[in-house]
Amino acid sequence: MKKLILLLILTVISCEKKQELTAPQTFVGNAIGTTYGIKAFHDVPLELTEDIDAIIDMFNQSMSTWVAGSDINRINDGDSTVVVGEAFKEVFDAAQEIYRKTDGYFDPTVGNLVNAYGFGANGEQTNIPSQKQIDSLLQFVGFYKMDIQKTAIDEGYHVTTTQPGMYLEYNAIAKGTLVDYIARMLDEKGVENYIVEVGGEVITKGKNLEKDAPFLVGINDPKSGAQGTKTLMAINLEDKAWQVVEIIASIKLMRRRESSTFIP
């Protein structure tokens, strides 16, 4: 009888443990001008809010053009005294590598053009820029004109440029790096199964224990428009990173600018 009671207790504990492990813990919020979502599976409650906020705050203060007084905005304003940290350099180096590999088609210095078309942090523009305006801004484009160097005293880096007036923006790459940083934090906490998404950038580890299957990510049709969201396909992700293309809003803006000669 004692053995039977002990077996029942162990069975109940085992079921409770399994239920705790397969119940997702969800965290959502805002980050670097977009949103984030995290679904994690762990055998104990996760206290992630402060850690997530610290990572996001570091990225916002360092690399967000949507935050007044951020390092990148101060650099864009011509402040040569700004000292940036390792995360900024990591994104700068990654952007530089992609810039070289794409022969300049990926260029994070197109910020002035992006703002001219109303896609950037400066807000929507009412008029499409003229060809003359575009030509005048092209002098500020070219990542080869920028460099990052170790500071002599501080433990950090200075961004230098040979062309004053350039506007650097990491919006096409910073989200992916933020996803990596959050994933590293989860790894350090021993979380083996999770999905992290920041503005369409996704990384997964393990699988969706709630469904005992790989994490499923849907790709929306950017042409759906006001008729409602249509899913083009669903992708199984297990221990993978993926860039989910979400350009419905951009498509709508582009339609209003389709008569222009240049789309950044």
Protein backbone atom coordinates (compact mmCIF):
# COMPACT_ATOMS: atom_id res chain seq x y z
CA MET A 1 0.00 0.00 0.00
CA LYS A 2 2.83 2.41 0.89
CA LYS A 3 4.54 1.60 -2.40
CA LEU A 4 1.31 2.32 -4.28
CA ILE A 5 0.88 5.71 -2.54
CA LEU A 6 4.51 6.59 -3.26
CA LEU A 7 4.05 5.63 -6.90
CA LEU A 8 0.93 7.79 -7.16
CA ILE A 9 2.73 10.76 -5.59
CA LEU A 10 5.64 10.38 -7.99
CA THR A 11 3.23 10.11 -10.91
CA VAL A 12 1.40 13.30 -9.86
CA ILE A 13 4.71 15.16 -9.43
CA SER A 14 5.89 13.92 -12.81
CA CYS A 15 2.66 15.07 -14.49
CA GLU A 16 2.90 18.47 -12.82
CA LYS A 17 6.52 18.83 -13.97
CA LYS A 18 5.55 17.88 -17.52
CA GLN A 19 2.64 20.34 -17.46
CA GLU A 20 4.94 23.12 -16.23
CA LEU A 21 7.46 22.34 -18.97
CA THR A 22 4.89 22.26 -21.78
CA ALA A 23 3.06 25.41 -20.69
CA PRO A 24 4.56 28.36 -22.62
CA GLN A 25 5.78 31.46 -20.83
CA THR A 26 5.10 34.50 -23.00
CA PHE A 27 6.69 37.95 -22.98
CA VAL A 28 5.70 40.82 -25.30
CA GLY A 29 6.57 44.51 -25.59
CA ASN A 30 8.09 47.30 -27.67
CA ALA A 31 11.67 47.54 -28.90
CA ILE A 32 13.71 49.77 -31.26
CA GLY A 33 10.69 51.20 -33.05
CA THR A 34 8.88 47.86 -33.39
CA THR A 35 7.53 45.05 -31.20
CA TYR A 36 8.91 41.82 -29.74
CA GLY A 37 7.43 38.52 -28.68
CA ILE A 38 9.01 35.61 -26.80
CA LYS A 39 7.55 32.20 -26.09
CA ALA A 40 9.71 30.01 -23.86
CA PHE A 41 9.32 26.62 -22.23
CA HIS A 42 11.08 25.97 -18.93
CA ASP A 43 10.52 23.80 -15.86
CA VAL A 44 10.51 26.82 -13.53
CA PRO A 45 8.94 30.28 -13.89
CA LEU A 46 11.22 32.63 -15.79
CA GLU A 47 11.86 36.15 -14.55
CA LEU A 48 12.89 37.75 -17.83
CA THR A 49 11.29 41.18 -17.86
CA GLU A 50 14.21 43.06 -16.29
CA ASP A 51 16.79 41.24 -18.43
CA ILE A 52 14.80 41.87 -21.63
CA ASP A 53 14.25 45.52 -20.72
CA ALA A 54 17.98 45.98 -20.04
CA ILE A 55 18.94 44.53 -23.45
CA ILE A 56 16.30 46.55 -25.30
CA ASP A 57 17.22 49.75 -23.44
CA MET A 58 20.86 49.24 -24.39
CA PHE A 59 19.90 48.81 -28.06
CA ASN A 60 17.49 51.77 -27.97
CA GLN A 61 20.02 54.11 -26.39
CA SER A 62 22.75 52.90 -28.72
CA MET A 63 21.22 52.19 -32.12
CA SER A 64 17.64 53.41 -32.42
CA THR A 65 17.05 56.42 -34.67
CA TRP A 66 13.60 56.62 -33.03
CA VAL A 67 15.08 57.57 -29.64
CA ALA A 68 16.14 61.17 -29.14
CA GLY A 69 19.69 61.44 -27.85
CA SER A 70 20.67 57.88 -28.79
CA ASP A 71 24.28 57.27 -29.77
CA ILE A 72 23.41 56.82 -33.43
CA ASN A 73 21.35 60.03 -33.51
CA ARG A 74 24.18 61.97 -31.89
CA ILE A 75 26.57 60.56 -34.50
CA ASN A 76 24.13 61.57 -37.24
CA ASP A 77 24.00 65.05 -35.74
CA GLY A 78 27.78 65.31 -36.15
CA ASP A 79 28.88 64.68 -32.56
CA SER A 80 32.40 63.23 -32.91
CA THR A 81 32.78 62.67 -29.15
CA VAL A 82 30.28 59.77 -28.99
CA VAL A 83 31.76 56.57 -27.57
CA VAL A 84 29.85 53.43 -28.62
CA GLY A 85 30.03 49.95 -27.13
CA GLU A 86 30.58 46.40 -28.32
CA ALA A 87 26.99 45.86 -29.50
CA PHE A 88 27.19 48.91 -31.77
CA LYS A 89 30.50 47.71 -33.18
CA GLU A 90 29.10 44.21 -33.72
CA VAL A 91 26.28 45.62 -35.84
CA PHE A 92 28.63 48.03 -37.64
CA ASP A 93 31.01 45.18 -38.55
CA ALA A 94 28.15 42.95 -39.71
CA ALA A 95 26.72 45.77 -41.83
CA GLN A 96 30.15 46.43 -43.31
CA GLU A 97 30.54 42.78 -44.28
CA ILE A 98 27.11 42.68 -45.96
CA TYR A 99 27.89 45.99 -47.68
CA ARG A 100 31.04 44.46 -49.21
CA LYS A 101 29.42 41.15 -50.15
CA THR A 102 26.51 42.89 -51.89
CA ASP A 103 28.76 45.36 -53.71
CA GLY A 104 27.07 48.22 -51.89
CA TYR A 105 23.45 47.24 -52.57
CA PHE A 106 23.00 46.92 -48.81
CA ASP A 107 23.98 50.31 -47.45
CA PRO A 108 23.04 51.58 -43.95
CA THR A 109 23.96 55.15 -44.94
CA VAL A 110 20.84 55.66 -47.07
CA GLY A 111 19.15 57.25 -44.04
CA ASN A 112 18.84 60.71 -45.61
CA LEU A 113 17.04 59.19 -48.60
CA VAL A 114 14.84 57.06 -46.35
CA ASN A 115 13.83 60.16 -44.41
CA ALA A 116 13.22 62.11 -47.61
CA TYR A 117 10.67 59.50 -48.65
CA GLY A 118 9.03 59.45 -45.23
CA PHE A 119 10.04 55.93 -44.22
CA GLY A 120 12.35 56.96 -41.39
CA ALA A 121 12.18 58.30 -37.88
CA ASN A 122 11.78 61.87 -39.12
CA GLY A 123 8.16 61.12 -39.99
CA GLU A 124 6.07 60.77 -43.12
CA GLN A 125 6.64 63.27 -45.91
CA THR A 126 3.75 64.80 -47.83
CA ASN A 127 5.64 65.20 -51.09
CA ILE A 128 7.76 62.83 -53.14
CA PRO A 129 11.32 64.20 -53.35
CA SER A 130 12.32 65.56 -56.72
CA GLN A 131 15.19 64.13 -58.74
CA LYS A 132 17.19 67.24 -57.84
CA GLN A 133 16.64 66.60 -54.13
CA ILE A 134 17.61 62.95 -54.54
CA ASP A 135 20.78 63.87 -56.43
CA SER A 136 21.73 66.32 -53.68
CA LEU A 137 21.36 63.60 -51.02
CA LEU A 138 23.36 60.93 -52.86
CA GLN A 139 26.61 62.57 -51.77
CA PHE A 140 25.78 61.42 -48.23
CA VAL A 141 25.43 57.77 -49.27
CA GLY A 142 28.29 55.28 -49.20
CA PHE A 143 29.25 53.11 -46.23
CA TYR A 144 32.86 53.14 -47.39
CA LYS A 145 32.99 56.74 -46.15
CA MET A 146 32.51 55.57 -42.55
CA ASP A 147 34.78 53.68 -40.18
CA ILE A 148 34.82 52.58 -36.55
CA GLN A 149 37.96 52.79 -34.45
CA LYS A 150 38.99 51.87 -30.92
CA THR A 151 39.19 54.87 -28.61
CA ALA A 152 42.53 55.73 -27.05
CA ILE A 153 41.29 55.99 -23.45
CA ASP A 154 37.73 54.76 -23.02
CA GLU A 155 36.74 51.13 -23.49
CA GLY A 156 34.70 51.83 -26.57
CA TYR A 157 34.75 52.97 -30.18
CA HIS A 158 34.42 56.16 -32.24
CA VAL A 159 32.56 56.27 -35.56
CA THR A 160 34.36 58.46 -38.10
CA THR A 161 33.35 59.71 -41.52
CA THR A 162 34.96 61.53 -44.41
CA GLN A 163 31.60 63.08 -45.39
CA PRO A 164 29.85 65.24 -42.77
CA GLY A 165 26.06 65.11 -42.94
CA MET A 166 25.72 61.35 -43.43
CA TYR A 167 22.82 59.57 -41.74
CA LEU A 168 23.56 56.08 -40.46
CA GLU A 169 20.68 53.77 -39.63
CA TYR A 170 20.70 50.12 -38.56
CA ASN A 171 16.98 49.44 -38.99
CA ALA A 172 17.61 46.67 -41.52
CA ILE A 173 20.04 44.75 -39.32
CA ALA A 174 19.77 45.83 -35.66
CA LYS A 175 16.60 43.80 -35.04
CA GLY A 176 18.39 40.59 -35.97
CA THR A 177 21.23 41.38 -33.61
CA LEU A 178 18.75 42.17 -30.83
CA VAL A 179 17.15 38.76 -31.43
CA ASP A 180 20.61 37.17 -31.07
CA TYR A 181 21.24 38.99 -27.78
CA ILE A 182 17.92 37.87 -26.31
CA ALA A 183 18.59 34.30 -27.47
CA ARG A 184 22.01 34.36 -25.78
CA MET A 185 20.36 35.51 -22.55
CA LEU A 186 17.88 32.62 -22.73
CA ASP A 187 20.72 30.18 -23.41
CA GLU A 188 22.58 31.46 -20.34
CA LYS A 189 19.48 30.78 -18.25
CA GLY A 190 19.36 27.20 -19.50
CA VAL A 191 16.22 27.56 -21.61
CA GLU A 192 16.26 24.81 -24.22
CA ASN A 193 13.05 25.54 -26.14
CA TYR A 194 11.99 29.01 -27.26
CA ILE A 195 11.06 31.32 -30.10
CA VAL A 196 12.08 34.99 -30.19
CA GLU A 197 10.65 37.49 -32.68
CA VAL A 198 11.52 41.17 -33.05
CA GLY A 199 9.82 43.06 -35.86
CA GLY A 200 9.79 40.03 -38.15
CA GLU A 201 13.25 38.70 -37.24
CA VAL A 202 12.89 35.23 -35.74
CA ILE A 203 15.14 32.73 -34.02
CA THR A 204 14.13 29.42 -32.46
CA LYS A 205 15.74 26.76 -30.32
CA GLY A 206 14.38 23.31 -29.67
CA LYS A 207 10.68 22.91 -30.43
CA ASN A 208 7.18 23.94 -29.43
CA LEU A 209 6.60 21.62 -26.46
CA GLU A 210 2.96 22.68 -26.26
CA LYS A 211 2.35 20.95 -29.59
CA ASP A 212 5.34 18.61 -29.49
CA ALA A 213 6.35 19.94 -32.91
CA PRO A 214 8.73 22.46 -34.48
CA PHE A 215 7.79 26.10 -34.11
CA LEU A 216 5.55 27.25 -36.98
CA VAL A 217 5.96 30.69 -38.54
CA GLY A 218 3.50 32.08 -41.07
CA ILE A 219 4.54 34.31 -43.98
CA ASN A 220 1.88 36.91 -44.82
CA ASP A 221 1.03 38.04 -48.32
CA PRO A 222 2.03 41.74 -48.57
CA LYS A 223 -0.66 42.23 -51.23
CA SER A 224 -3.50 41.29 -48.89
CA GLY A 225 -4.22 44.94 -48.14
CA ALA A 226 -7.54 45.89 -46.59
CA GLN A 227 -9.12 42.58 -47.55
CA GLY A 228 -7.49 40.90 -44.57
CA THR A 229 -4.28 39.05 -43.95
CA LYS A 230 -3.57 36.11 -46.20
CA THR A 231 -0.90 33.59 -45.31
CA LEU A 232 1.27 32.56 -48.23
CA MET A 233 3.01 29.71 -46.45
CA ALA A 234 4.00 28.32 -43.07
CA ILE A 235 7.55 27.34 -42.23
CA ASN A 236 8.68 24.86 -39.61
CA LEU A 237 11.57 26.24 -37.61
CA GLU A 238 13.64 24.14 -35.25
CA ASP A 239 16.98 25.55 -34.03
CA LYS A 240 16.93 28.11 -36.84
CA ALA A 241 16.97 31.84 -37.48
CA TRP A 242 14.71 33.39 -40.10
CA GLN A 243 13.79 36.80 -41.44
CA VAL A 244 10.03 36.98 -41.77
CA VAL A 245 9.08 39.44 -44.48
CA GLU A 246 6.42 41.84 -43.22
CA ILE A 247 6.09 44.71 -45.72
CA ILE A 248 2.36 45.41 -45.93
CA ALA A 249 2.76 48.94 -44.51
CA SER A 250 5.73 49.64 -46.78
CA ILE A 251 3.80 48.43 -49.83
CA LYS A 252 1.00 50.89 -49.03
CA LEU A 253 3.49 53.72 -48.68
CA MET A 254 5.27 52.72 -51.88
CA ARG A 255 1.99 52.82 -53.80
CA ARG A 256 1.67 56.47 -52.86
CA ARG A 257 5.21 57.05 -54.14
CA GLU A 258 5.12 54.81 -57.20
CA SER A 259 5.51 57.72 -59.61
CA SER A 260 8.91 58.55 -58.13
CA THR A 261 12.19 57.66 -59.79
CA PHE A 262 13.86 56.22 -56.71
CA ILE A 263 12.65 53.91 -53.95
CA PRO A 264 15.19 53.33 -51.12
